[in-house]
Amino acid sequence: MAGVFEIAAAGDESYFFKLTAPDGTVVAVSPLFNTIKGAAAGITAVRENAATGLVVDRSARKAVTQSASKPAATSSSRPAPLLTSR
């Protein structure tokens, strides 16, 4: 089952959406929009960009570099995520 986008009112004239995972975990909450159409457009933008978006690590920790002669041991068969630092 896929996640669910929900649009909700935040006061009299503001709206937001949240993305909830199948297990009920809230994955993302949007900023406020002035209209329901604006919130729906935000959902469309997330759906179009999320699948192709890069992950950018803006944490304070230093990036770990790895020697090309020693590949990393992974416990997962999934490919590593794309990370960039800026």
N, C-alpha and C. Protein backbone atom coordinates (compact mmCIF):
# COMPACT_ATOMS: atom_id res chain seq x y z
N MET A 1 0.84 -1.18 0.00
CA MET A 1 0.00 0.00 0.00
C MET A 1 0.88 1.24 0.00
N ALA A 2 0.50 2.24 -0.74
CA ALA A 2 1.25 3.49 -0.85
C ALA A 2 0.88 4.44 0.27
N GLY A 3 1.71 5.46 0.44
CA GLY A 3 1.42 6.51 1.41
C GLY A 3 0.18 7.29 0.99
N VAL A 4 -0.32 8.11 1.92
CA VAL A 4 -1.54 8.88 1.67
C VAL A 4 -1.26 10.36 1.91
N PHE A 5 -1.64 11.21 0.97
CA PHE A 5 -1.60 12.65 1.14
C PHE A 5 -2.95 13.08 1.69
N GLU A 6 -2.94 13.87 2.76
CA GLU A 6 -4.17 14.39 3.35
C GLU A 6 -4.10 15.91 3.38
N ILE A 7 -5.15 16.58 2.91
CA ILE A 7 -5.24 18.04 3.01
C ILE A 7 -6.13 18.35 4.20
N ALA A 8 -5.68 19.30 5.03
CA ALA A 8 -6.44 19.68 6.22
C ALA A 8 -6.45 21.20 6.35
N ALA A 9 -7.46 21.70 7.05
CA ALA A 9 -7.56 23.13 7.32
C ALA A 9 -6.72 23.47 8.54
N ALA A 10 -6.11 24.65 8.48
CA ALA A 10 -5.33 25.17 9.61
C ALA A 10 -5.87 26.57 9.90
N GLY A 11 -6.96 26.62 10.60
CA GLY A 11 -7.61 27.91 10.82
C GLY A 11 -8.68 28.13 9.77
N ASP A 12 -9.10 29.39 9.64
CA ASP A 12 -10.21 29.70 8.73
C ASP A 12 -9.81 29.76 7.27
N GLU A 13 -8.59 30.22 6.98
CA GLU A 13 -8.23 30.44 5.58
C GLU A 13 -6.87 29.88 5.21
N SER A 14 -6.42 28.87 5.89
CA SER A 14 -5.13 28.25 5.57
C SER A 14 -5.30 26.74 5.49
N TYR A 15 -4.47 26.14 4.65
CA TYR A 15 -4.53 24.70 4.43
C TYR A 15 -3.11 24.15 4.40
N PHE A 16 -2.97 22.89 4.73
CA PHE A 16 -1.69 22.20 4.64
C PHE A 16 -1.96 20.77 4.24
N PHE A 17 -0.91 20.07 3.85
CA PHE A 17 -1.06 18.65 3.59
C PHE A 17 -0.01 17.90 4.36
N LYS A 18 -0.29 16.64 4.62
CA LYS A 18 0.70 15.77 5.23
C LYS A 18 0.72 14.47 4.44
N LEU A 19 1.89 13.86 4.43
CA LEU A 19 2.08 12.56 3.79
C LEU A 19 2.25 11.54 4.90
N THR A 20 1.39 10.54 4.91
CA THR A 20 1.41 9.51 5.94
C THR A 20 1.75 8.17 5.31
N ALA A 21 2.71 7.46 5.91
CA ALA A 21 3.11 6.12 5.44
C ALA A 21 2.02 5.11 5.77
N PRO A 22 2.04 3.95 5.14
CA PRO A 22 1.02 2.92 5.40
C PRO A 22 0.92 2.51 6.87
N ASP A 23 2.02 2.62 7.62
CA ASP A 23 1.98 2.24 9.04
C ASP A 23 1.49 3.38 9.94
N GLY A 24 1.11 4.52 9.34
CA GLY A 24 0.58 5.63 10.11
C GLY A 24 1.61 6.70 10.47
N THR A 25 2.87 6.46 10.15
CA THR A 25 3.93 7.42 10.43
C THR A 25 3.78 8.64 9.52
N VAL A 26 3.79 9.84 10.11
CA VAL A 26 3.75 11.06 9.31
C VAL A 26 5.15 11.28 8.75
N VAL A 27 5.25 11.27 7.42
CA VAL A 27 6.52 11.37 6.73
C VAL A 27 6.87 12.83 6.43
N ALA A 28 5.88 13.64 6.10
CA ALA A 28 6.12 15.03 5.74
C ALA A 28 4.89 15.87 6.04
N VAL A 29 5.14 17.13 6.41
CA VAL A 29 4.07 18.10 6.62
C VAL A 29 4.45 19.34 5.83
N SER A 30 3.52 19.87 5.08
CA SER A 30 3.78 21.01 4.21
C SER A 30 3.72 22.33 4.98
N PRO A 31 4.19 23.39 4.34
CA PRO A 31 3.92 24.72 4.88
C PRO A 31 2.45 25.06 4.64
N LEU A 32 2.01 26.20 5.13
CA LEU A 32 0.61 26.61 4.94
C LEU A 32 0.39 27.18 3.55
N PHE A 33 -0.80 26.91 3.02
CA PHE A 33 -1.23 27.44 1.73
C PHE A 33 -2.50 28.26 1.96
N ASN A 34 -2.73 29.26 1.10
CA ASN A 34 -3.91 30.12 1.23
C ASN A 34 -5.17 29.45 0.70
N THR A 35 -5.01 28.47 -0.19
CA THR A 35 -6.17 27.82 -0.81
C THR A 35 -5.97 26.30 -0.85
N ILE A 36 -7.08 25.60 -1.02
CA ILE A 36 -6.99 24.15 -1.20
C ILE A 36 -6.28 23.84 -2.51
N LYS A 37 -6.54 24.66 -3.54
CA LYS A 37 -5.84 24.46 -4.82
C LYS A 37 -4.33 24.58 -4.65
N GLY A 38 -3.90 25.50 -3.81
CA GLY A 38 -2.47 25.65 -3.55
C GLY A 38 -1.89 24.41 -2.87
N ALA A 39 -2.63 23.87 -1.90
CA ALA A 39 -2.18 22.64 -1.23
C ALA A 39 -2.13 21.48 -2.22
N ALA A 40 -3.12 21.39 -3.09
CA ALA A 40 -3.14 20.33 -4.11
C ALA A 40 -1.97 20.48 -5.07
N ALA A 41 -1.63 21.72 -5.42
CA ALA A 41 -0.48 21.97 -6.30
C ALA A 41 0.81 21.56 -5.59
N GLY A 42 0.89 21.78 -4.28
CA GLY A 42 2.05 21.35 -3.51
C GLY A 42 2.21 19.85 -3.52
N ILE A 43 1.11 19.14 -3.39
CA ILE A 43 1.13 17.67 -3.46
C ILE A 43 1.64 17.22 -4.83
N THR A 44 1.14 17.85 -5.87
CA THR A 44 1.58 17.51 -7.23
C THR A 44 3.08 17.73 -7.37
N ALA A 45 3.58 18.84 -6.84
CA ALA A 45 5.01 19.13 -6.93
C ALA A 45 5.84 18.08 -6.19
N VAL A 46 5.38 17.68 -5.01
CA VAL A 46 6.10 16.65 -4.25
C VAL A 46 6.10 15.34 -5.02
N ARG A 47 4.96 14.97 -5.55
CA ARG A 47 4.87 13.69 -6.28
C ARG A 47 5.77 13.69 -7.50
N GLU A 48 5.89 14.82 -8.18
CA GLU A 48 6.71 14.89 -9.40
C GLU A 48 8.20 14.94 -9.09
N ASN A 49 8.59 15.54 -7.98
CA ASN A 49 10.00 15.75 -7.69
C ASN A 49 10.62 14.73 -6.74
N ALA A 50 9.84 14.10 -5.91
CA ALA A 50 10.40 13.22 -4.89
C ALA A 50 11.15 12.02 -5.47
N ALA A 51 10.64 11.44 -6.50
CA ALA A 51 11.24 10.22 -7.05
C ALA A 51 12.59 10.48 -7.69
N THR A 52 12.82 11.69 -8.16
CA THR A 52 14.07 11.99 -8.85
C THR A 52 14.98 12.91 -8.07
N GLY A 53 14.56 13.32 -6.88
CA GLY A 53 15.35 14.27 -6.10
C GLY A 53 16.59 13.63 -5.48
N LEU A 54 17.66 14.40 -5.44
CA LEU A 54 18.89 13.96 -4.79
C LEU A 54 18.76 14.20 -3.29
N VAL A 55 19.50 13.44 -2.53
CA VAL A 55 19.58 13.66 -1.09
C VAL A 55 20.82 14.50 -0.85
N VAL A 56 20.66 15.64 -0.19
CA VAL A 56 21.77 16.53 0.11
C VAL A 56 22.01 16.49 1.61
N ASP A 57 23.21 16.13 2.02
CA ASP A 57 23.57 16.04 3.42
C ASP A 57 24.09 17.40 3.89
N ARG A 58 23.29 18.11 4.66
CA ARG A 58 23.69 19.42 5.18
C ARG A 58 23.99 19.35 6.68
N SER A 59 24.27 18.15 7.16
CA SER A 59 24.58 17.99 8.58
C SER A 59 25.97 18.57 8.85
N ALA A 60 26.24 18.82 10.11
CA ALA A 60 27.50 19.45 10.50
C ALA A 60 28.67 18.47 10.48
N ARG A 61 28.37 17.19 10.50
CA ARG A 61 29.47 16.22 10.55
C ARG A 61 30.25 16.23 9.24
N LYS A 62 31.51 15.84 9.33
CA LYS A 62 32.36 15.80 8.15
C LYS A 62 32.01 14.58 7.31
N ALA A 63 32.10 14.74 6.01
CA ALA A 63 31.82 13.63 5.11
C ALA A 63 32.90 12.56 5.27
N VAL A 64 32.50 11.32 5.20
CA VAL A 64 33.43 10.21 5.30
C VAL A 64 33.80 9.79 3.90
N THR A 65 35.09 9.77 3.61
CA THR A 65 35.54 9.32 2.30
C THR A 65 36.03 7.90 2.42
N GLN A 66 35.96 7.18 1.33
CA GLN A 66 36.31 5.77 1.36
C GLN A 66 37.32 5.48 0.27
N SER A 67 38.26 4.66 0.58
CA SER A 67 39.28 4.28 -0.38
C SER A 67 38.66 3.46 -1.50
N ALA A 68 39.09 3.73 -2.72
CA ALA A 68 38.56 2.99 -3.86
C ALA A 68 39.00 1.53 -3.83
N SER A 69 40.12 1.24 -3.12
CA SER A 69 40.60 -0.14 -3.08
C SER A 69 39.85 -1.00 -2.07
N LYS A 70 39.08 -0.38 -1.17
CA LYS A 70 38.34 -1.13 -0.17
C LYS A 70 36.85 -0.80 -0.29
N PRO A 71 36.11 -1.58 -1.03
CA PRO A 71 34.67 -1.31 -1.14
C PRO A 71 33.98 -1.51 0.20
N ALA A 72 32.92 -0.77 0.41
CA ALA A 72 32.18 -0.86 1.67
C ALA A 72 31.42 -2.17 1.76
N ALA A 73 31.37 -2.72 2.95
CA ALA A 73 30.56 -3.90 3.19
C ALA A 73 29.15 -3.42 3.53
N THR A 74 28.17 -3.95 2.85
CA THR A 74 26.80 -3.54 3.11
C THR A 74 26.00 -4.74 3.55
N SER A 75 25.04 -4.47 4.42
CA SER A 75 24.18 -5.55 4.89
C SER A 75 22.87 -5.59 4.13
N SER A 76 22.76 -4.78 3.11
CA SER A 76 21.53 -4.69 2.35
C SER A 76 21.80 -4.92 0.87
N SER A 77 20.84 -5.47 0.19
CA SER A 77 21.00 -5.66 -1.24
C SER A 77 20.52 -4.44 -2.02
N ARG A 78 19.99 -3.44 -1.29
CA ARG A 78 19.53 -2.22 -1.96
C ARG A 78 20.72 -1.34 -2.28
N PRO A 79 20.63 -0.56 -3.39
CA PRO A 79 21.73 0.36 -3.70
C PRO A 79 21.79 1.48 -2.69
N ALA A 80 22.98 2.02 -2.48
CA ALA A 80 23.15 3.14 -1.55
C ALA A 80 22.43 4.37 -2.10
N PRO A 81 21.91 5.23 -1.22
CA PRO A 81 21.23 6.44 -1.70
C PRO A 81 22.25 7.42 -2.29
N LEU A 82 21.78 8.29 -3.15
CA LEU A 82 22.63 9.32 -3.74
C LEU A 82 22.76 10.45 -2.74
N LEU A 83 23.98 10.75 -2.33
CA LEU A 83 24.21 11.82 -1.37
C LEU A 83 25.13 12.85 -1.99
N THR A 84 24.80 14.10 -1.79
CA THR A 84 25.71 15.17 -2.21
C THR A 84 25.88 16.11 -1.04
N SER A 85 26.97 16.81 -0.99
CA SER A 85 27.22 17.81 0.06
C SER A 85 27.36 19.16 -0.61
N ARG A 86 26.72 20.14 0.00
CA ARG A 86 26.81 21.50 -0.55
C ARG A 86 27.08 22.46 0.55
